[in-house]
Amino acid sequence: MTTRRQFMMTVVPAVAALSAVGSVCAADAHADEKDPGAAALGYKHDATKVDAKKYPTYKAGSVCSNCQFYQGKPTDAWAACPLLGGKQANAKGWCAGYAKKA
């Protein structure tokens, strides 16, 4: 017979391990331009394809790799972005949340 304490000591670490694996997998996923959050920000994998009339804040040369939210090195092809739910943004991409690194 299993006690409640034994059950909790088995289940809680297992759930914690599974949730950690899930968050790592989400961080490894590339952002999808059609994802509702990315679409709301006008995210594009290629900044040259941004509709400048629709997004007047877009300026040529504004790309994810030189944005303060890009959580990788400027030389990384893809890196996590908190604006995209932690998914990876393309270094050559752009979204309306762009803020130039200081």
PDB file of N, CA and C in Angstrom:
ATOM      1  N   MET A   1       0.834  -1.180   0.000  1.00  0.00           N
ATOM      2  CA  MET A   1       0.000   0.000   0.000  1.00  0.00           C
ATOM      3  C   MET A   1       0.887   1.254   0.000  1.00  0.00           C
ATOM      4  N   THR A   2       0.541   2.221  -0.825  1.00  0.00           N
ATOM      5  CA  THR A   2       1.309   3.452  -0.951  1.00  0.00           C
ATOM      6  C   THR A   2       0.705   4.528  -0.064  1.00  0.00           C
ATOM      7  N   THR A   3       1.576   5.200   0.666  1.00  0.00           N
ATOM      8  CA  THR A   3       1.086   6.296   1.503  1.00  0.00           C
ATOM      9  C   THR A   3       1.042   7.567   0.673  1.00  0.00           C
ATOM     10  N   ARG A   4       0.354   8.521   1.188  1.00  0.00           N
ATOM     11  CA  ARG A   4       0.255   9.810   0.514  1.00  0.00           C
ATOM     12  C   ARG A   4       1.642  10.445   0.386  1.00  0.00           C
ATOM     13  N   ARG A   5       2.470  10.319   1.407  1.00  0.00           N
ATOM     14  CA  ARG A   5       3.817  10.888   1.386  1.00  0.00           C
ATOM     15  C   ARG A   5       4.664  10.239   0.286  1.00  0.00           C
ATOM     16  N   GLN A   6       4.616   8.920   0.162  1.00  0.00           N
ATOM     17  CA  GLN A   6       5.362   8.228  -0.878  1.00  0.00           C
ATOM     18  C   GLN A   6       4.890   8.656  -2.265  1.00  0.00           C
ATOM     19  N   PHE A   7       3.589   8.796  -2.398  1.00  0.00           N
ATOM     20  CA  PHE A   7       3.012   9.228  -3.670  1.00  0.00           C
ATOM     21  C   PHE A   7       3.530  10.618  -4.045  1.00  0.00           C
ATOM     22  N   MET A   8       3.500  11.553  -3.101  1.00  0.00           N
ATOM     23  CA  MET A   8       3.939  12.922  -3.372  1.00  0.00           C
ATOM     24  C   MET A   8       5.436  12.979  -3.682  1.00  0.00           C
ATOM     25  N   MET A   9       6.217  12.153  -2.999  1.00  0.00           N
ATOM     26  CA  MET A   9       7.665  12.156  -3.220  1.00  0.00           C
ATOM     27  C   MET A   9       8.020  11.549  -4.575  1.00  0.00           C
ATOM     28  N   THR A  10       7.108  10.817  -5.175  1.00  0.00           N
ATOM     29  CA  THR A  10       7.326  10.233  -6.489  1.00  0.00           C
ATOM     30  C   THR A  10       6.784  11.134  -7.592  1.00  0.00           C
ATOM     31  N   VAL A  11       5.598  11.646  -7.400  1.00  0.00           N
ATOM     32  CA  VAL A  11       4.921  12.412  -8.442  1.00  0.00           C
ATOM     33  C   VAL A  11       5.477  13.828  -8.605  1.00  0.00           C
ATOM     34  N   VAL A  12       5.722  14.549  -7.532  1.00  0.00           N
ATOM     35  CA  VAL A  12       6.161  15.946  -7.625  1.00  0.00           C
ATOM     36  C   VAL A  12       7.468  16.074  -8.405  1.00  0.00           C
ATOM     37  N   PRO A  13       8.516  15.296  -8.111  1.00  0.00           N
ATOM     38  CA  PRO A  13       9.734  15.431  -8.928  1.00  0.00           C
ATOM     39  C   PRO A  13       9.513  15.062 -10.401  1.00  0.00           C
ATOM     40  N   ALA A  14       8.662  14.078 -10.648  1.00  0.00           N
ATOM     41  CA  ALA A  14       8.395  13.685 -12.033  1.00  0.00           C
ATOM     42  C   ALA A  14       7.707  14.806 -12.799  1.00  0.00           C
ATOM     43  N   VAL A  15       6.736  15.455 -12.182  1.00  0.00           N
ATOM     44  CA  VAL A  15       6.029  16.571 -12.827  1.00  0.00           C
ATOM     45  C   VAL A  15       6.988  17.736 -13.058  1.00  0.00           C
ATOM     46  N   ALA A  16       7.843  18.024 -12.085  1.00  0.00           N
ATOM     47  CA  ALA A  16       8.813  19.112 -12.239  1.00  0.00           C
ATOM     48  C   ALA A  16       9.768  18.828 -13.397  1.00  0.00           C
ATOM     49  N   ALA A  17      10.221  17.598 -13.516  1.00  0.00           N
ATOM     50  CA  ALA A  17      11.127  17.233 -14.610  1.00  0.00           C
ATOM     51  C   ALA A  17      10.437  17.368 -15.961  1.00  0.00           C
ATOM     52  N   LEU A  18       9.194  16.938 -16.051  1.00  0.00           N
ATOM     53  CA  LEU A  18       8.460  17.036 -17.317  1.00  0.00           C
ATOM     54  C   LEU A  18       8.208  18.483 -17.703  1.00  0.00           C
ATOM     55  N   SER A  19       7.901  19.341 -16.743  1.00  0.00           N
ATOM     56  CA  SER A  19       7.655  20.740 -17.081  1.00  0.00           C
ATOM     57  C   SER A  19       8.948  21.423 -17.523  1.00  0.00           C
ATOM     58  N   ALA A  20      10.080  21.047 -16.935  1.00  0.00           N
ATOM     59  CA  ALA A  20      11.362  21.614 -17.353  1.00  0.00           C
ATOM     60  C   ALA A  20      11.683  21.209 -18.787  1.00  0.00           C
ATOM     61  N   VAL A  21      11.419  19.961 -19.138  1.00  0.00           N
ATOM     62  CA  VAL A  21      11.653  19.488 -20.503  1.00  0.00           C
ATOM     63  C   VAL A  21      10.750  20.234 -21.472  1.00  0.00           C
ATOM     64  N   GLY A  22       9.510  20.471 -21.097  1.00  0.00           N
ATOM     65  CA  GLY A  22       8.571  21.195 -21.952  1.00  0.00           C
ATOM     66  C   GLY A  22       9.011  22.615 -22.212  1.00  0.00           C
ATOM     67  N   SER A  23       9.545  23.302 -21.196  1.00  0.00           N
ATOM     68  CA  SER A  23       9.967  24.680 -21.400  1.00  0.00           C
ATOM     69  C   SER A  23      11.222  24.752 -22.254  1.00  0.00           C
ATOM     70  N   VAL A  24      12.115  23.768 -22.146  1.00  0.00           N
ATOM     71  CA  VAL A  24      13.301  23.730 -23.002  1.00  0.00           C
ATOM     72  C   VAL A  24      12.885  23.525 -24.443  1.00  0.00           C
ATOM     73  N   CYS A  25      11.924  22.647 -24.690  1.00  0.00           N
ATOM     74  CA  CYS A  25      11.457  22.404 -26.058  1.00  0.00           C
ATOM     75  C   CYS A  25      10.820  23.651 -26.647  1.00  0.00           C
ATOM     76  N   ALA A  26      10.066  24.405 -25.847  1.00  0.00           N
ATOM     77  CA  ALA A  26       9.427  25.620 -26.341  1.00  0.00           C
ATOM     78  C   ALA A  26      10.471  26.666 -26.714  1.00  0.00           C
ATOM     79  N   ALA A  27      11.544  26.752 -25.923  1.00  0.00           N
ATOM     80  CA  ALA A  27      12.593  27.731 -26.213  1.00  0.00           C
ATOM     81  C   ALA A  27      13.360  27.366 -27.477  1.00  0.00           C
ATOM     82  N   ASP A  28      13.394  26.083 -27.834  1.00  0.00           N
ATOM     83  CA  ASP A  28      14.089  25.650 -29.036  1.00  0.00           C
ATOM     84  C   ASP A  28      13.251  25.839 -30.295  1.00  0.00           C
ATOM     85  N   ALA A  29      11.968  26.102 -30.135  1.00  0.00           N
ATOM     86  CA  ALA A  29      11.075  26.223 -31.279  1.00  0.00           C
ATOM     87  C   ALA A  29      11.230  27.597 -31.943  1.00  0.00           C
ATOM     88  N   HIS A  30      11.246  27.588 -33.253  1.00  0.00           N
ATOM     89  CA  HIS A  30      11.296  28.849 -33.991  1.00  0.00           C
ATOM     90  C   HIS A  30       9.905  29.479 -33.980  1.00  0.00           C
ATOM     91  N   ALA A  31       9.867  30.770 -33.902  1.00  0.00           N
ATOM     92  CA  ALA A  31       8.607  31.499 -33.944  1.00  0.00           C
ATOM     93  C   ALA A  31       7.959  31.307 -35.314  1.00  0.00           C
ATOM     94  N   ASP A  32       6.643  31.247 -35.315  1.00  0.00           N
ATOM     95  CA  ASP A  32       5.882  31.110 -36.554  1.00  0.00           C
ATOM     96  C   ASP A  32       5.229  32.456 -36.851  1.00  0.00           C
ATOM     97  N   GLU A  33       5.422  32.963 -38.047  1.00  0.00           N
ATOM     98  CA  GLU A  33       4.840  34.259 -38.421  1.00  0.00           C
ATOM     99  C   GLU A  33       3.325  34.266 -38.291  1.00  0.00           C
ATOM    100  N   LYS A  34       2.699  33.100 -38.401  1.00  0.00           N
ATOM    101  CA  LYS A  34       1.239  33.004 -38.343  1.00  0.00           C
ATOM    102  C   LYS A  34       0.702  32.804 -36.929  1.00  0.00           C
ATOM    103  N   ASP A  35       1.598  32.626 -35.953  1.00  0.00           N
ATOM    104  CA  ASP A  35       1.182  32.492 -34.558  1.00  0.00           C
ATOM    105  C   ASP A  35       0.484  33.797 -34.164  1.00  0.00           C
ATOM    106  N   PRO A  36      -0.646  33.729 -33.443  1.00  0.00           N
ATOM    107  CA  PRO A  36      -1.392  34.956 -33.112  1.00  0.00           C
ATOM    108  C   PRO A  36      -0.550  36.049 -32.447  1.00  0.00           C
ATOM    109  N   GLY A  37       0.322  35.671 -31.526  1.00  0.00           N
ATOM    110  CA  GLY A  37       1.164  36.669 -30.855  1.00  0.00           C
ATOM    111  C   GLY A  37       2.159  37.301 -31.806  1.00  0.00           C
ATOM    112  N   ALA A  38       2.780  36.483 -32.639  1.00  0.00           N
ATOM    113  CA  ALA A  38       3.755  36.992 -33.604  1.00  0.00           C
ATOM    114  C   ALA A  38       3.057  37.841 -34.666  1.00  0.00           C
ATOM    115  N   ALA A  39       1.902  37.389 -35.104  1.00  0.00           N
ATOM    116  CA  ALA A  39       1.149  38.140 -36.116  1.00  0.00           C
ATOM    117  C   ALA A  39       0.711  39.501 -35.577  1.00  0.00           C
ATOM    118  N   ALA A  40       0.335  39.542 -34.300  1.00  0.00           N
ATOM    119  CA  ALA A  40      -0.080  40.821 -33.700  1.00  0.00           C
ATOM    120  C   ALA A  40       1.073  41.818 -33.661  1.00  0.00           C
ATOM    121  N   LEU A  41       2.289  41.302 -33.556  1.00  0.00           N
ATOM    122  CA  LEU A  41       3.474  42.169 -33.553  1.00  0.00           C
ATOM    123  C   LEU A  41       4.016  42.412 -34.956  1.00  0.00           C
ATOM    124  N   GLY A  42       3.408  41.794 -35.961  1.00  0.00           N
ATOM    125  CA  GLY A  42       3.879  41.948 -37.331  1.00  0.00           C
ATOM    126  C   GLY A  42       5.213  41.268 -37.559  1.00  0.00           C
ATOM    127  N   TYR A  43       5.509  40.224 -36.783  1.00  0.00           N
ATOM    128  CA  TYR A  43       6.801  39.536 -36.900  1.00  0.00           C
ATOM    129  C   TYR A  43       6.989  38.925 -38.281  1.00  0.00           C
ATOM    130  N   LYS A  44       8.168  39.160 -38.838  1.00  0.00           N
ATOM    131  CA  LYS A  44       8.579  38.561 -40.112  1.00  0.00           C
ATOM    132  C   LYS A  44       9.972  37.981 -39.919  1.00  0.00           C
ATOM    133  N   HIS A  45      10.220  36.798 -40.485  1.00  0.00           N
ATOM    134  CA  HIS A  45      11.546  36.183 -40.422  1.00  0.00           C
ATOM    135  C   HIS A  45      12.563  37.005 -41.212  1.00  0.00           C
ATOM    136  N   ASP A  46      12.090  37.718 -42.211  1.00  0.00           N
ATOM    137  CA  ASP A  46      12.954  38.523 -43.073  1.00  0.00           C
ATOM    138  C   ASP A  46      12.474  39.971 -43.013  1.00  0.00           C
ATOM    139  N   ALA A  47      13.253  40.823 -42.378  1.00  0.00           N
ATOM    140  CA  ALA A  47      12.850  42.215 -42.174  1.00  0.00           C
ATOM    141  C   ALA A  47      12.611  42.966 -43.483  1.00  0.00           C
ATOM    142  N   THR A  48      13.211  42.524 -44.560  1.00  0.00           N
ATOM    143  CA  THR A  48      13.015  43.220 -45.832  1.00  0.00           C
ATOM    144  C   THR A  48      11.602  43.015 -46.373  1.00  0.00           C
ATOM    145  N   LYS A  49      10.854  42.079 -45.779  1.00  0.00           N
ATOM    146  CA  LYS A  49       9.489  41.812 -46.240  1.00  0.00           C
ATOM    147  C   LYS A  49       8.426  42.489 -45.367  1.00  0.00           C
ATOM    148  N   VAL A  50       8.858  43.368 -44.458  1.00  0.00           N
ATOM    149  CA  VAL A  50       7.923  44.095 -43.597  1.00  0.00           C
ATOM    150  C   VAL A  50       7.215  45.161 -44.425  1.00  0.00           C
ATOM    151  N   ASP A  51       5.906  45.266 -44.257  1.00  0.00           N
ATOM    152  CA  ASP A  51       5.115  46.276 -44.949  1.00  0.00           C
ATOM    153  C   ASP A  51       5.306  47.611 -44.215  1.00  0.00           C
ATOM    154  N   ALA A  52       6.142  48.474 -44.765  1.00  0.00           N
ATOM    155  CA  ALA A  52       6.479  49.748 -44.119  1.00  0.00           C
ATOM    156  C   ALA A  52       5.274  50.682 -44.000  1.00  0.00           C
ATOM    157  N   LYS A  53       4.291  50.517 -44.861  1.00  0.00           N
ATOM    158  CA  LYS A  53       3.078  51.343 -44.758  1.00  0.00           C
ATOM    159  C   LYS A  53       2.239  50.906 -43.565  1.00  0.00           C
ATOM    160  N   LYS A  54       2.185  49.607 -43.337  1.00  0.00           N
ATOM    161  CA  LYS A  54       1.414  49.076 -42.214  1.00  0.00           C
ATOM    162  C   LYS A  54       2.150  49.288 -40.896  1.00  0.00           C
ATOM    163  N   TYR A  55       3.480  49.245 -40.933  1.00  0.00           N
ATOM    164  CA  TYR A  55       4.312  49.409 -39.739  1.00  0.00           C
ATOM    165  C   TYR A  55       5.280  50.571 -39.958  1.00  0.00           C
ATOM    166  N   PRO A  56       4.816  51.802 -39.752  1.00  0.00           N
ATOM    167  CA  PRO A  56       5.663  52.971 -40.027  1.00  0.00           C
ATOM    168  C   PRO A  56       6.880  53.084 -39.103  1.00  0.00           C
ATOM    169  N   THR A  57       6.906  52.328 -38.000  1.00  0.00           N
ATOM    170  CA  THR A  57       8.073  52.379 -37.117  1.00  0.00           C
ATOM    171  C   THR A  57       9.246  51.568 -37.671  1.00  0.00           C
ATOM    172  N   TYR A  58       8.985  50.753 -38.693  1.00  0.00           N
ATOM    173  CA  TYR A  58      10.068  49.965 -39.293  1.00  0.00           C
ATOM    174  C   TYR A  58      11.025  50.883 -40.037  1.00  0.00           C
ATOM    175  N   LYS A  59      12.306  50.669 -39.790  1.00  0.00           N
ATOM    176  CA  LYS A  59      13.365  51.393 -40.490  1.00  0.00           C
ATOM    177  C   LYS A  59      14.340  50.358 -41.043  1.00  0.00           C
ATOM    178  N   ALA A  60      14.848  50.567 -42.226  1.00  0.00           N
ATOM    179  CA  ALA A  60      15.832  49.651 -42.812  1.00  0.00           C
ATOM    180  C   ALA A  60      17.006  49.498 -41.853  1.00  0.00           C
ATOM    181  N   GLY A  61      17.471  48.285 -41.688  1.00  0.00           N
ATOM    182  CA  GLY A  61      18.580  48.015 -40.768  1.00  0.00           C
ATOM    183  C   GLY A  61      18.117  47.597 -39.385  1.00  0.00           C
ATOM    184  N   SER A  62      16.817  47.766 -39.104  1.00  0.00           N
ATOM    185  CA  SER A  62      16.263  47.326 -37.829  1.00  0.00           C
ATOM    186  C   SER A  62      15.965  45.838 -37.941  1.00  0.00           C
ATOM    187  N   VAL A  63      16.770  45.026 -37.290  1.00  0.00           N
ATOM    188  CA  VAL A  63      16.591  43.578 -37.317  1.00  0.00           C
ATOM    189  C   VAL A  63      16.692  43.028 -35.898  1.00  0.00           C
ATOM    190  N   CYS A  64      16.190  41.836 -35.720  1.00  0.00           N
ATOM    191  CA  CYS A  64      16.170  41.218 -34.388  1.00  0.00           C
ATOM    192  C   CYS A  64      17.550  41.143 -33.745  1.00  0.00           C
ATOM    193  N   SER A  65      18.583  40.881 -34.536  1.00  0.00           N
ATOM    194  CA  SER A  65      19.916  40.711 -33.955  1.00  0.00           C
ATOM    195  C   SER A  65      20.443  41.976 -33.285  1.00  0.00           C
ATOM    196  N   ASN A  66      19.908  43.154 -33.617  1.00  0.00           N
ATOM    197  CA  ASN A  66      20.341  44.376 -32.932  1.00  0.00           C
ATOM    198  C   ASN A  66      19.225  44.981 -32.087  1.00  0.00           C
ATOM    199  N   CYS A  67      18.281  44.119 -31.655  1.00  0.00           N
ATOM    200  CA  CYS A  67      17.179  44.530 -30.781  1.00  0.00           C
ATOM    201  C   CYS A  67      17.528  44.167 -29.336  1.00  0.00           C
ATOM    202  N   GLN A  68      17.110  44.980 -28.398  1.00  0.00           N
ATOM    203  CA  GLN A  68      17.421  44.714 -26.994  1.00  0.00           C
ATOM    204  C   GLN A  68      16.752  43.448 -26.463  1.00  0.00           C
ATOM    205  N   PHE A  69      15.698  42.977 -27.112  1.00  0.00           N
ATOM    206  CA  PHE A  69      14.995  41.787 -26.644  1.00  0.00           C
ATOM    207  C   PHE A  69      15.592  40.479 -27.170  1.00  0.00           C
ATOM    208  N   TYR A  70      16.452  40.553 -28.157  1.00  0.00           N
ATOM    209  CA  TYR A  70      17.086  39.374 -28.756  1.00  0.00           C
ATOM    210  C   TYR A  70      18.049  38.788 -27.733  1.00  0.00           C
ATOM    211  N   GLN A  71      17.803  37.561 -27.292  1.00  0.00           N
ATOM    212  CA  GLN A  71      18.573  36.983 -26.204  1.00  0.00           C
ATOM    213  C   GLN A  71      19.714  36.085 -26.667  1.00  0.00           C
ATOM    214  N   GLY A  72      20.346  36.475 -27.712  1.00  0.00           N
ATOM    215  CA  GLY A  72      21.495  35.737 -28.213  1.00  0.00           C
ATOM    216  C   GLY A  72      22.577  36.712 -28.606  1.00  0.00           C
ATOM    217  N   LYS A  73      23.651  36.160 -29.138  1.00  0.00           N
ATOM    218  CA  LYS A  73      24.716  37.014 -29.649  1.00  0.00           C
ATOM    219  C   LYS A  73      24.281  37.550 -31.010  1.00  0.00           C
ATOM    220  N   PRO A  74      24.749  38.707 -31.409  1.00  0.00           N
ATOM    221  CA  PRO A  74      24.388  39.253 -32.721  1.00  0.00           C
ATOM    222  C   PRO A  74      24.743  38.319 -33.870  1.00  0.00           C
ATOM    223  N   THR A  75      25.674  37.395 -33.647  1.00  0.00           N
ATOM    224  CA  THR A  75      26.096  36.468 -34.700  1.00  0.00           C
ATOM    225  C   THR A  75      25.231  35.206 -34.751  1.00  0.00           C
ATOM    226  N   ASP A  76      24.370  34.990 -33.746  1.00  0.00           N
ATOM    227  CA  ASP A  76      23.490  33.815 -33.734  1.00  0.00           C
ATOM    228  C   ASP A  76      22.415  33.960 -34.800  1.00  0.00           C
ATOM    229  N   ALA A  77      22.156  32.902 -35.540  1.00  0.00           N
ATOM    230  CA  ALA A  77      21.127  32.929 -36.583  1.00  0.00           C
ATOM    231  C   ALA A  77      19.725  32.994 -35.977  1.00  0.00           C
ATOM    232  N   TRP A  78      19.517  32.352 -34.847  1.00  0.00           N
ATOM    233  CA  TRP A  78      18.235  32.336 -34.142  1.00  0.00           C
ATOM    234  C   TRP A  78      18.509  32.488 -32.652  1.00  0.00           C
ATOM    235  N   ALA A  79      17.622  33.167 -31.938  1.00  0.00           N
ATOM    236  CA  ALA A  79      17.749  33.290 -30.480  1.00  0.00           C
ATOM    237  C   ALA A  79      16.369  33.551 -29.891  1.00  0.00           C
ATOM    238  N   ALA A  80      16.234  33.218 -28.619  1.00  0.00           N
ATOM    239  CA  ALA A  80      14.959  33.396 -27.927  1.00  0.00           C
ATOM    240  C   ALA A  80      14.586  34.872 -27.830  1.00  0.00           C
ATOM    241  N   CYS A  81      13.281  35.115 -27.863  1.00  0.00           N
ATOM    242  CA  CYS A  81      12.763  36.479 -27.729  1.00  0.00           C
ATOM    243  C   CYS A  81      11.561  36.442 -26.785  1.00  0.00           C
ATOM    244  N   PRO A  82      11.601  37.213 -25.702  1.00  0.00           N
ATOM    245  CA  PRO A  82      10.469  37.213 -24.777  1.00  0.00           C
ATOM    246  C   PRO A  82       9.180  37.772 -25.390  1.00  0.00           C
ATOM    247  N   LEU A  83       9.294  38.615 -26.393  1.00  0.00           N
ATOM    248  CA  LEU A  83       8.096  39.165 -27.035  1.00  0.00           C
ATOM    249  C   LEU A  83       7.351  38.099 -27.839  1.00  0.00           C
ATOM    250  N   LEU A  84       8.070  37.058 -28.221  1.00  0.00           N
ATOM    251  CA  LEU A  84       7.476  35.967 -29.002  1.00  0.00           C
ATOM    252  C   LEU A  84       7.233  34.744 -28.120  1.00  0.00           C
ATOM    253  N   GLY A  85       7.031  34.973 -26.856  1.00  0.00           N
ATOM    254  CA  GLY A  85       6.741  33.882 -25.935  1.00  0.00           C
ATOM    255  C   GLY A  85       7.930  32.982 -25.683  1.00  0.00           C
ATOM    256  N   GLY A  86       9.133  33.516 -25.818  1.00  0.00           N
ATOM    257  CA  GLY A  86      10.333  32.737 -25.589  1.00  0.00           C
ATOM    258  C   GLY A  86      10.763  31.904 -26.780  1.00  0.00           C
ATOM    259  N   LYS A  87       9.960  31.907 -27.828  1.00  0.00           N
ATOM    260  CA  LYS A  87      10.349  31.174 -29.037  1.00  0.00           C
ATOM    261  C   LYS A  87      11.490  31.916 -29.713  1.00  0.00           C
ATOM    262  N   GLN A  88      12.145  31.242 -30.627  1.00  0.00           N
ATOM    263  CA  GLN A  88      13.313  31.823 -31.267  1.00  0.00           C
ATOM    264  C   GLN A  88      12.942  32.690 -32.466  1.00  0.00           C
ATOM    265  N   ALA A  89      13.563  33.854 -32.493  1.00  0.00           N
ATOM    266  CA  ALA A  89      13.379  34.799 -33.591  1.00  0.00           C
ATOM    267  C   ALA A  89      14.581  34.702 -34.522  1.00  0.00           C
ATOM    268  N   ASN A  90      14.342  34.928 -35.798  1.00  0.00           N
ATOM    269  CA  ASN A  90      15.412  34.944 -36.782  1.00  0.00           C
ATOM    270  C   ASN A  90      16.211  36.234 -36.602  1.00  0.00           C
ATOM    271  N   ALA A  91      17.523  36.140 -36.656  1.00  0.00           N
ATOM    272  CA  ALA A  91      18.383  37.315 -36.494  1.00  0.00           C
ATOM    273  C   ALA A  91      18.073  38.385 -37.532  1.00  0.00           C
ATOM    274  N   LYS A  92      17.589  37.961 -38.703  1.00  0.00           N
ATOM    275  CA  LYS A  92      17.280  38.904 -39.783  1.00  0.00           C
ATOM    276  C   LYS A  92      15.813  39.321 -39.768  1.00  0.00           C
ATOM    277  N   GLY A  93      15.098  38.940 -38.715  1.00  0.00           N
ATOM    278  CA  GLY A  93      13.677  39.251 -38.626  1.00  0.00           C
ATOM    279  C   GLY A  93      13.402  40.619 -38.019  1.00  0.00           C
ATOM    280  N   TRP A  94      12.114  40.917 -37.846  1.00  0.00           N
ATOM    281  CA  TRP A  94      11.697  42.191 -37.265  1.00  0.00           C
ATOM    282  C   TRP A  94      10.283  42.048 -36.727  1.00  0.00           C
ATOM    283  N   CYS A  95       9.947  42.810 -35.678  1.00  0.00           N
ATOM    284  CA  CYS A  95       8.560  42.921 -35.207  1.00  0.00           C
ATOM    285  C   CYS A  95       8.349  44.334 -34.665  1.00  0.00           C
ATOM    286  N   ALA A  96       7.110  44.685 -34.425  1.00  0.00           N
ATOM    287  CA  ALA A  96       6.756  46.023 -33.976  1.00  0.00           C
ATOM    288  C   ALA A  96       7.281  46.328 -32.567  1.00  0.00           C
ATOM    289  N   GLY A  97       7.727  45.318 -31.852  1.00  0.00           N
ATOM    290  CA  GLY A  97       8.304  45.535 -30.515  1.00  0.00           C
ATOM    291  C   GLY A  97       9.784  45.870 -30.561  1.00  0.00           C
ATOM    292  N   TYR A  98      10.324  46.037 -31.763  1.00  0.00           N
ATOM    293  CA  TYR A  98      11.746  46.302 -31.921  1.00  0.00           C
ATOM    294  C   TYR A  98      12.180  47.522 -31.117  1.00  0.00           C
ATOM    295  N   ALA A  99      13.279  47.343 -30.370  1.00  0.00           N
ATOM    296  CA  ALA A  99      13.908  48.447 -29.629  1.00  0.00           C
ATOM    297  C   ALA A  99      15.414  48.290 -29.782  1.00  0.00           C
ATOM    298  N   LYS A 100      16.052  49.274 -30.392  1.00  0.00           N
ATOM    299  CA  LYS A 100      17.485  49.185 -30.670  1.00  0.00           C
ATOM    300  C   LYS A 100      18.290  49.023 -29.381  1.00  0.00           C
ATOM    301  N   LYS A 101      19.275  48.124 -29.433  1.00  0.00           N
ATOM    302  CA  LYS A 101      20.167  47.922 -28.285  1.00  0.00           C
ATOM    303  C   LYS A 101      20.919  49.211 -28.022  1.00  0.00           C
ATOM    304  N   ALA A 102      21.106  49.486 -26.754  1.00  0.00           N
ATOM    305  CA  ALA A 102      21.847  50.705 -26.374  1.00  0.00           C
ATOM    306  C   ALA A 102      23.329  50.529 -26.513  1.00  0.00           C
TER     307      ALA A 102
END
